[in-house]
Amino acid sequence: MITHRSDLHVNHLLGAIPRAEWEALAPYLELVRLRGGELLTGAGQRIVHVYFPTTGVVSLLSLLEDGATVEFAAVGNEGLVGIPVVTGGDTMPCRVEVRSPGFAYRLPARVLRGELERLHVLQRVTLLYVQAVLTQIAQTAACNRHHSLNKQLCRWLLLALDRMDSNELVITQQVIANMLGVRREGVTEAAGKLEDLGLIHHSRGHITVLDRCGLERHACECYKLVKREYDRLLPALGNA
């Protein structure tokens, strides 16, 4: 149970709701640790809990028949994991895995489903978030189809940084390759080019961004479009 409303400000959606609505949710919120690679929900499974990440980052993955996966959206402290509950569903159409370890507030899906009917600001802010995620999904699809792997990697790294408090990512190139749906050798080559430009430093299991502005200059327009939509919608949460 959360005892101080300020505790929730590390998640943008929870921090945006008024005190009365926060008090309705607080008794059901549980702070949990998210471990890297942990499966939160499998594709087609019933959603038991929704998650409001604080320091962890969660990947939404399409799972193909041959076992391959590709990431189409990521969720950090700007949002929630379990969008179908908001839109009226009760199962997750994709695989949900923890990409970067950290913490999240967990809420029973049945509680959120019930409270959305009477907590109007909560309903409003979660729907705004759904709109932002739809932009991320659409732009990811376009980027994966039309842009070079170098630009895709820049976009992916920048969106990852937006959801973290550090410029260092603890992640392997194989995991990034799985997220982008490409071969590891391609990620190794692209990361090497970015390192030669002085934008990043990569070693086994770690990538450190040295020049974020330079990385943004080398990214495609997809990153800016997604970030612009989040920046446009998320500040409006406080006035929702």
C-alpha atoms as a PDB file:
ATOM      1  CA  MET A   1       0.000   0.000   0.000  1.00  0.00           C
ATOM      2  CA  ILE A   2       1.240   3.474  -0.871  1.00  0.00           C
ATOM      3  CA  THR A   3       1.036   5.913   2.029  1.00  0.00           C
ATOM      4  CA  HIS A   4       2.287   9.139   0.433  1.00  0.00           C
ATOM      5  CA  ARG A   5       0.892  10.563  -2.792  1.00  0.00           C
ATOM      6  CA  SER A   6       4.312  11.987  -3.671  1.00  0.00           C
ATOM      7  CA  ASP A   7       5.506   8.383  -4.020  1.00  0.00           C
ATOM      8  CA  LEU A   8       3.424   8.117  -7.172  1.00  0.00           C
ATOM      9  CA  HIS A   9       4.969  11.049  -8.993  1.00  0.00           C
ATOM     10  CA  VAL A  10       7.703   8.810 -10.368  1.00  0.00           C
ATOM     11  CA  ASN A  11       5.026   7.434 -12.690  1.00  0.00           C
ATOM     12  CA  HIS A  12       3.491  10.181 -14.825  1.00  0.00           C
ATOM     13  CA  LEU A  13       0.014   8.714 -15.040  1.00  0.00           C
ATOM     14  CA  LEU A  14      -0.339   8.101 -11.319  1.00  0.00           C
ATOM     15  CA  GLY A  15       1.147  11.503 -10.577  1.00  0.00           C
ATOM     16  CA  ALA A  16      -1.461  13.189 -12.771  1.00  0.00           C
ATOM     17  CA  ILE A  17      -4.585  12.033 -10.976  1.00  0.00           C
ATOM     18  CA  PRO A  18      -6.185  14.196  -8.230  1.00  0.00           C
ATOM     19  CA  ARG A  19      -5.932  13.265  -4.574  1.00  0.00           C
ATOM     20  CA  ALA A  20      -9.442  11.824  -4.308  1.00  0.00           C
ATOM     21  CA  GLU A  21      -8.786   9.409  -7.164  1.00  0.00           C
ATOM     22  CA  TRP A  22      -5.350   8.553  -5.820  1.00  0.00           C
ATOM     23  CA  GLU A  23      -6.866   7.628  -2.469  1.00  0.00           C
ATOM     24  CA  ALA A  24      -9.222   5.215  -4.222  1.00  0.00           C
ATOM     25  CA  LEU A  25      -6.276   3.401  -5.862  1.00  0.00           C
ATOM     26  CA  ALA A  26      -3.633   3.602  -3.126  1.00  0.00           C
ATOM     27  CA  PRO A  27      -4.840   0.641  -1.014  1.00  0.00           C
ATOM     28  CA  TYR A  28      -4.435  -1.677  -4.020  1.00  0.00           C
ATOM     29  CA  LEU A  29      -1.076  -0.459  -5.358  1.00  0.00           C
ATOM     30  CA  GLU A  30       1.891  -2.706  -4.639  1.00  0.00           C
ATOM     31  CA  LEU A  31       5.515  -1.802  -5.348  1.00  0.00           C
ATOM     32  CA  VAL A  32       7.200  -4.744  -7.090  1.00  0.00           C
ATOM     33  CA  ARG A  33      10.629  -5.417  -8.526  1.00  0.00           C
ATOM     34  CA  LEU A  34      10.850  -6.059 -12.265  1.00  0.00           C
ATOM     35  CA  ARG A  35      13.674  -8.408 -13.217  1.00  0.00           C
ATOM     36  CA  GLY A  36      15.332  -8.259 -16.626  1.00  0.00           C
ATOM     37  CA  GLY A  37      13.794 -10.763 -19.024  1.00  0.00           C
ATOM     38  CA  GLU A  38      10.853 -11.487 -16.725  1.00  0.00           C
ATOM     39  CA  LEU A  39       7.648 -12.454 -18.531  1.00  0.00           C
ATOM     40  CA  LEU A  40       4.763 -10.381 -17.185  1.00  0.00           C
ATOM     41  CA  THR A  41       2.061 -11.658 -19.547  1.00  0.00           C
ATOM     42  CA  GLY A  42       2.131 -14.100 -22.439  1.00  0.00           C
ATOM     43  CA  ALA A  43       0.365 -13.510 -25.733  1.00  0.00           C
ATOM     44  CA  GLY A  44      -3.289 -14.449 -25.416  1.00  0.00           C
ATOM     45  CA  GLN A  45      -3.184 -14.686 -21.632  1.00  0.00           C
ATOM     46  CA  ARG A  46      -5.702 -13.058 -19.346  1.00  0.00           C
ATOM     47  CA  ILE A  47      -4.419  -9.857 -17.752  1.00  0.00           C
ATOM     48  CA  VAL A  48      -4.317 -10.303 -13.988  1.00  0.00           C
ATOM     49  CA  HIS A  49      -2.349  -7.174 -13.105  1.00  0.00           C
ATOM     50  CA  VAL A  50      -1.533  -3.862 -14.748  1.00  0.00           C
ATOM     51  CA  TYR A  51       1.822  -2.220 -14.079  1.00  0.00           C
ATOM     52  CA  PHE A  52       2.816   1.422 -13.699  1.00  0.00           C
ATOM     53  CA  PRO A  53       6.633   1.381 -14.136  1.00  0.00           C
ATOM     54  CA  THR A  54       8.785   3.765 -12.143  1.00  0.00           C
ATOM     55  CA  THR A  55      12.368   2.774 -12.952  1.00  0.00           C
ATOM     56  CA  GLY A  56      11.858  -0.388 -15.021  1.00  0.00           C
ATOM     57  CA  VAL A  57      11.184  -0.539 -18.760  1.00  0.00           C
ATOM     58  CA  VAL A  58       8.845  -3.110 -20.297  1.00  0.00           C
ATOM     59  CA  SER A  59       8.744  -4.295 -23.915  1.00  0.00           C
ATOM     60  CA  LEU A  60       5.635  -5.217 -25.878  1.00  0.00           C
ATOM     61  CA  LEU A  61       6.636  -7.915 -28.347  1.00  0.00           C
ATOM     62  CA  SER A  62       5.039  -9.621 -31.305  1.00  0.00           C
ATOM     63  CA  LEU A  63       5.719 -13.352 -31.161  1.00  0.00           C
ATOM     64  CA  LEU A  64       5.946 -15.224 -34.480  1.00  0.00           C
ATOM     65  CA  GLU A  65       5.314 -18.920 -35.101  1.00  0.00           C
ATOM     66  CA  ASP A  66       9.037 -19.642 -35.476  1.00  0.00           C
ATOM     67  CA  GLY A  67       9.696 -18.157 -32.027  1.00  0.00           C
ATOM     68  CA  ALA A  68      11.122 -14.882 -33.303  1.00  0.00           C
ATOM     69  CA  THR A  69      10.064 -11.677 -31.553  1.00  0.00           C
ATOM     70  CA  VAL A  70      10.071  -8.003 -32.454  1.00  0.00           C
ATOM     71  CA  GLU A  71       9.379  -5.055 -30.168  1.00  0.00           C
ATOM     72  CA  PHE A  72       6.657  -2.665 -31.318  1.00  0.00           C
ATOM     73  CA  ALA A  73       6.400  -0.494 -28.195  1.00  0.00           C
ATOM     74  CA  ALA A  74       8.100   0.110 -24.865  1.00  0.00           C
ATOM     75  CA  VAL A  75       6.653   1.337 -21.572  1.00  0.00           C
ATOM     76  CA  GLY A  76       8.509   3.218 -18.859  1.00  0.00           C
ATOM     77  CA  ASN A  77       7.571   5.717 -16.177  1.00  0.00           C
ATOM     78  CA  GLU A  78       5.410   7.619 -18.658  1.00  0.00           C
ATOM     79  CA  GLY A  79       2.713   4.983 -18.807  1.00  0.00           C
ATOM     80  CA  LEU A  80       1.152   1.660 -17.929  1.00  0.00           C
ATOM     81  CA  VAL A  81       1.345  -1.953 -19.012  1.00  0.00           C
ATOM     82  CA  GLY A  82      -2.073  -3.464 -19.662  1.00  0.00           C
ATOM     83  CA  ILE A  83      -3.762  -1.169 -22.168  1.00  0.00           C
ATOM     84  CA  PRO A  84      -6.465  -3.733 -23.107  1.00  0.00           C
ATOM     85  CA  VAL A  85      -7.933  -3.280 -19.621  1.00  0.00           C
ATOM     86  CA  VAL A  86      -8.360   0.438 -20.375  1.00  0.00           C
ATOM     87  CA  THR A  87     -10.005  -0.195 -23.739  1.00  0.00           C
ATOM     88  CA  GLY A  88     -12.376  -2.894 -22.510  1.00  0.00           C
ATOM     89  CA  GLY A  89     -10.441  -6.099 -23.100  1.00  0.00           C
ATOM     90  CA  ASP A  90      -9.147  -8.679 -20.655  1.00  0.00           C
ATOM     91  CA  THR A  91      -6.384 -10.503 -22.560  1.00  0.00           C
ATOM     92  CA  MET A  92      -2.978  -9.384 -23.817  1.00  0.00           C
ATOM     93  CA  PRO A  93      -2.521  -9.819 -27.588  1.00  0.00           C
ATOM     94  CA  CYS A  94       1.280  -9.679 -27.333  1.00  0.00           C
ATOM     95  CA  ARG A  95       4.156 -10.910 -25.212  1.00  0.00           C
ATOM     96  CA  VAL A  96       5.109  -8.567 -22.354  1.00  0.00           C
ATOM     97  CA  GLU A  97       8.679  -8.799 -21.043  1.00  0.00           C
ATOM     98  CA  VAL A  98      10.832  -6.670 -18.762  1.00  0.00           C
ATOM     99  CA  ARG A  99      13.539  -5.063 -20.893  1.00  0.00           C
ATOM    100  CA  SER A 100      15.347  -3.071 -18.191  1.00  0.00           C
ATOM    101  CA  PRO A 101      15.112  -4.098 -14.526  1.00  0.00           C
ATOM    102  CA  GLY A 102      13.673  -1.721 -11.960  1.00  0.00           C
ATOM    103  CA  PHE A 103      10.451  -1.162 -10.078  1.00  0.00           C
ATOM    104  CA  ALA A 104       6.786  -0.700 -10.879  1.00  0.00           C
ATOM    105  CA  TYR A 105       3.503  -0.282  -9.056  1.00  0.00           C
ATOM    106  CA  ARG A 106       1.238  -3.269  -9.631  1.00  0.00           C
ATOM    107  CA  LEU A 107      -2.537  -2.995  -9.549  1.00  0.00           C
ATOM    108  CA  PRO A 108      -5.088  -5.806  -9.943  1.00  0.00           C
ATOM    109  CA  ALA A 109      -6.695  -5.511 -13.365  1.00  0.00           C
ATOM    110  CA  ARG A 110     -10.163  -5.962 -11.847  1.00  0.00           C
ATOM    111  CA  VAL A 111      -9.573  -2.880  -9.663  1.00  0.00           C
ATOM    112  CA  LEU A 112      -8.527  -0.681 -12.574  1.00  0.00           C
ATOM    113  CA  ARG A 113     -11.413  -1.960 -14.672  1.00  0.00           C
ATOM    114  CA  GLY A 114     -13.904  -1.057 -11.951  1.00  0.00           C
ATOM    115  CA  GLU A 115     -12.378   2.286 -11.001  1.00  0.00           C
ATOM    116  CA  LEU A 116     -12.217   3.539 -14.593  1.00  0.00           C
ATOM    117  CA  GLU A 117     -16.000   3.660 -14.603  1.00  0.00           C
ATOM    118  CA  ARG A 118     -16.147   6.200 -11.797  1.00  0.00           C
ATOM    119  CA  LEU A 119     -12.725   7.934 -11.718  1.00  0.00           C
ATOM    120  CA  HIS A 120     -13.042  10.275 -14.668  1.00  0.00           C
ATOM    121  CA  VAL A 121      -9.575  11.841 -14.574  1.00  0.00           C
ATOM    122  CA  LEU A 122      -7.979   8.408 -14.401  1.00  0.00           C
ATOM    123  CA  GLN A 123     -10.024   7.411 -17.428  1.00  0.00           C
ATOM    124  CA  ARG A 124      -8.994  10.552 -19.280  1.00  0.00           C
ATOM    125  CA  VAL A 125      -5.254  10.260 -18.637  1.00  0.00           C
ATOM    126  CA  THR A 126      -5.108   6.577 -19.504  1.00  0.00           C
ATOM    127  CA  LEU A 127      -6.891   7.212 -22.817  1.00  0.00           C
ATOM    128  CA  LEU A 128      -4.447  10.015 -23.610  1.00  0.00           C
ATOM    129  CA  TYR A 129      -1.666   7.546 -22.970  1.00  0.00           C
ATOM    130  CA  VAL A 130      -3.280   5.006 -25.293  1.00  0.00           C
ATOM    131  CA  GLN A 131      -3.239   7.637 -28.043  1.00  0.00           C
ATOM    132  CA  ALA A 132       0.484   8.241 -27.523  1.00  0.00           C
ATOM    133  CA  VAL A 133       1.238   4.512 -27.619  1.00  0.00           C
ATOM    134  CA  LEU A 134      -0.659   4.114 -30.886  1.00  0.00           C
ATOM    135  CA  THR A 135       1.645   6.741 -32.400  1.00  0.00           C
ATOM    136  CA  GLN A 136       4.688   4.851 -31.127  1.00  0.00           C
ATOM    137  CA  ILE A 137       3.429   1.570 -32.618  1.00  0.00           C
ATOM    138  CA  ALA A 138       2.609   3.101 -36.002  1.00  0.00           C
ATOM    139  CA  GLN A 139       5.934   4.907 -36.275  1.00  0.00           C
ATOM    140  CA  THR A 140       7.890   1.828 -35.202  1.00  0.00           C
ATOM    141  CA  ALA A 141       6.285  -0.152 -38.013  1.00  0.00           C
ATOM    142  CA  ALA A 142       7.158   2.550 -40.554  1.00  0.00           C
ATOM    143  CA  CYS A 143      10.712   2.872 -39.233  1.00  0.00           C
ATOM    144  CA  ASN A 144      11.396  -0.874 -39.326  1.00  0.00           C
ATOM    145  CA  ARG A 145      10.205  -0.997 -42.931  1.00  0.00           C
ATOM    146  CA  HIS A 146      11.811   2.089 -44.447  1.00  0.00           C
ATOM    147  CA  HIS A 147      14.866   3.176 -42.453  1.00  0.00           C
ATOM    148  CA  SER A 148      18.399   1.826 -42.172  1.00  0.00           C
ATOM    149  CA  LEU A 149      19.436  -0.238 -39.180  1.00  0.00           C
ATOM    150  CA  ASN A 150      21.750   2.596 -38.092  1.00  0.00           C
ATOM    151  CA  LYS A 151      18.789   4.968 -37.834  1.00  0.00           C
ATOM    152  CA  GLN A 152      16.607   2.328 -36.193  1.00  0.00           C
ATOM    153  CA  LEU A 153      19.258   1.774 -33.529  1.00  0.00           C
ATOM    154  CA  CYS A 154      19.507   5.522 -32.869  1.00  0.00           C
ATOM    155  CA  ARG A 155      15.729   5.730 -32.487  1.00  0.00           C
ATOM    156  CA  TRP A 156      15.658   2.709 -30.193  1.00  0.00           C
ATOM    157  CA  LEU A 157      18.451   4.025 -27.973  1.00  0.00           C
ATOM    158  CA  LEU A 158      16.882   7.474 -27.665  1.00  0.00           C
ATOM    159  CA  LEU A 159      13.465   6.112 -26.746  1.00  0.00           C
ATOM    160  CA  ALA A 160      15.157   3.872 -24.183  1.00  0.00           C
ATOM    161  CA  LEU A 161      16.964   6.848 -22.640  1.00  0.00           C
ATOM    162  CA  ASP A 162      13.687   8.772 -22.399  1.00  0.00           C
ATOM    163  CA  ARG A 163      12.423   6.087 -20.030  1.00  0.00           C
ATOM    164  CA  MET A 164      15.515   5.868 -17.828  1.00  0.00           C
ATOM    165  CA  ASP A 165      17.412   8.034 -15.346  1.00  0.00           C
ATOM    166  CA  SER A 166      20.808   7.053 -16.740  1.00  0.00           C
ATOM    167  CA  ASN A 167      22.709   7.315 -20.007  1.00  0.00           C
ATOM    168  CA  GLU A 168      23.877   3.716 -19.601  1.00  0.00           C
ATOM    169  CA  LEU A 169      21.841   0.747 -20.802  1.00  0.00           C
ATOM    170  CA  VAL A 170      22.519  -2.687 -19.373  1.00  0.00           C
ATOM    171  CA  ILE A 171      21.564  -4.775 -22.383  1.00  0.00           C
ATOM    172  CA  THR A 172      23.233  -7.112 -24.845  1.00  0.00           C
ATOM    173  CA  GLN A 173      23.404  -6.600 -28.582  1.00  0.00           C
ATOM    174  CA  GLN A 174      21.544  -9.881 -29.015  1.00  0.00           C
ATOM    175  CA  VAL A 175      18.601  -8.555 -27.014  1.00  0.00           C
ATOM    176  CA  ILE A 176      18.560  -5.354 -29.089  1.00  0.00           C
ATOM    177  CA  ALA A 177      18.655  -7.474 -32.238  1.00  0.00           C
ATOM    178  CA  ASN A 178      15.679  -9.457 -30.969  1.00  0.00           C
ATOM    179  CA  MET A 179      13.797  -6.235 -30.215  1.00  0.00           C
ATOM    180  CA  LEU A 180      14.447  -4.840 -33.696  1.00  0.00           C
ATOM    181  CA  GLY A 181      13.875  -8.152 -35.448  1.00  0.00           C
ATOM    182  CA  VAL A 182      17.325  -8.179 -37.089  1.00  0.00           C
ATOM    183  CA  ARG A 183      20.548 -10.203 -36.919  1.00  0.00           C
ATOM    184  CA  ARG A 184      22.964  -9.556 -34.069  1.00  0.00           C
ATOM    185  CA  GLU A 185      25.776  -8.952 -36.540  1.00  0.00           C
ATOM    186  CA  GLY A 186      23.822  -6.034 -37.971  1.00  0.00           C
ATOM    187  CA  VAL A 187      23.449  -4.455 -34.528  1.00  0.00           C
ATOM    188  CA  THR A 188      27.160  -4.991 -33.846  1.00  0.00           C
ATOM    189  CA  GLU A 189      28.071  -3.226 -37.086  1.00  0.00           C
ATOM    190  CA  ALA A 190      25.640  -0.338 -36.463  1.00  0.00           C
ATOM    191  CA  ALA A 191      26.840   0.095 -32.870  1.00  0.00           C
ATOM    192  CA  GLY A 192      30.431   0.112 -34.099  1.00  0.00           C
ATOM    193  CA  LYS A 193      29.667   2.953 -36.515  1.00  0.00           C
ATOM    194  CA  LEU A 194      28.026   4.987 -33.738  1.00  0.00           C
ATOM    195  CA  GLU A 195      31.038   4.369 -31.513  1.00  0.00           C
ATOM    196  CA  ASP A 196      33.425   5.481 -34.261  1.00  0.00           C
ATOM    197  CA  LEU A 197      31.446   8.739 -34.400  1.00  0.00           C
ATOM    198  CA  GLY A 198      31.906   9.200 -30.651  1.00  0.00           C
ATOM    199  CA  LEU A 199      28.172   8.911 -29.962  1.00  0.00           C
ATOM    200  CA  ILE A 200      28.211   5.782 -27.824  1.00  0.00           C
ATOM    201  CA  HIS A 201      30.549   3.375 -26.111  1.00  0.00           C
ATOM    202  CA  HIS A 202      29.609  -0.266 -26.103  1.00  0.00           C
ATOM    203  CA  SER A 203      31.084  -3.232 -24.269  1.00  0.00           C
ATOM    204  CA  ARG A 204      29.737  -6.642 -23.337  1.00  0.00           C
ATOM    205  CA  GLY A 205      26.238  -6.127 -21.943  1.00  0.00           C
ATOM    206  CA  HIS A 206      26.518  -2.329 -21.708  1.00  0.00           C
ATOM    207  CA  ILE A 207      25.895   0.655 -23.964  1.00  0.00           C
ATOM    208  CA  THR A 208      26.708   4.160 -22.759  1.00  0.00           C
ATOM    209  CA  VAL A 209      25.445   7.165 -24.716  1.00  0.00           C
ATOM    210  CA  LEU A 210      28.213   9.785 -24.838  1.00  0.00           C
ATOM    211  CA  ASP A 211      26.599  12.371 -27.104  1.00  0.00           C
ATOM    212  CA  ARG A 212      22.807  12.433 -26.989  1.00  0.00           C
ATOM    213  CA  CYS A 213      22.518  15.479 -29.258  1.00  0.00           C
ATOM    214  CA  GLY A 214      24.698  13.780 -31.850  1.00  0.00           C
ATOM    215  CA  LEU A 215      22.589  10.651 -31.573  1.00  0.00           C
ATOM    216  CA  GLU A 216      19.460  12.703 -32.225  1.00  0.00           C
ATOM    217  CA  ARG A 217      21.062  14.221 -35.324  1.00  0.00           C
ATOM    218  CA  HIS A 218      21.749  10.748 -36.705  1.00  0.00           C
ATOM    219  CA  ALA A 219      18.307   9.367 -35.863  1.00  0.00           C
ATOM    220  CA  CYS A 220      15.473   9.329 -38.369  1.00  0.00           C
ATOM    221  CA  GLU A 221      12.378  11.493 -38.030  1.00  0.00           C
ATOM    222  CA  CYS A 222      10.530   8.651 -36.286  1.00  0.00           C
ATOM    223  CA  TYR A 223      12.078   9.443 -32.913  1.00  0.00           C
ATOM    224  CA  LYS A 224      11.098  13.100 -33.115  1.00  0.00           C
ATOM    225  CA  LEU A 225       7.544  12.261 -34.175  1.00  0.00           C
ATOM    226  CA  VAL A 226       7.030   9.857 -31.288  1.00  0.00           C
ATOM    227  CA  LYS A 227       8.630  12.178 -28.742  1.00  0.00           C
ATOM    228  CA  ARG A 228       6.586  15.130 -29.991  1.00  0.00           C
ATOM    229  CA  GLU A 229       3.364  13.193 -29.477  1.00  0.00           C
ATOM    230  CA  TYR A 230       4.327  12.127 -25.956  1.00  0.00           C
ATOM    231  CA  ASP A 231       5.410  15.678 -25.101  1.00  0.00           C
ATOM    232  CA  ARG A 232       2.137  17.026 -26.482  1.00  0.00           C
ATOM    233  CA  LEU A 233      -0.085  14.614 -24.572  1.00  0.00           C
ATOM    234  CA  LEU A 234       1.710  13.943 -21.296  1.00  0.00           C
ATOM    235  CA  PRO A 235       1.954  17.592 -20.114  1.00  0.00           C
ATOM    236  CA  ALA A 236      -1.797  17.771 -20.677  1.00  0.00           C
ATOM    237  CA  LEU A 237      -2.263  15.087 -18.061  1.00  0.00           C
ATOM    238  CA  GLY A 238      -2.027  17.571 -15.238  1.00  0.00           C
ATOM    239  CA  ASN A 239      -4.938  19.493 -16.737  1.00  0.00           C
ATOM    240  CA  ALA A 240      -6.971  16.425 -17.605  1.00  0.00           C
END
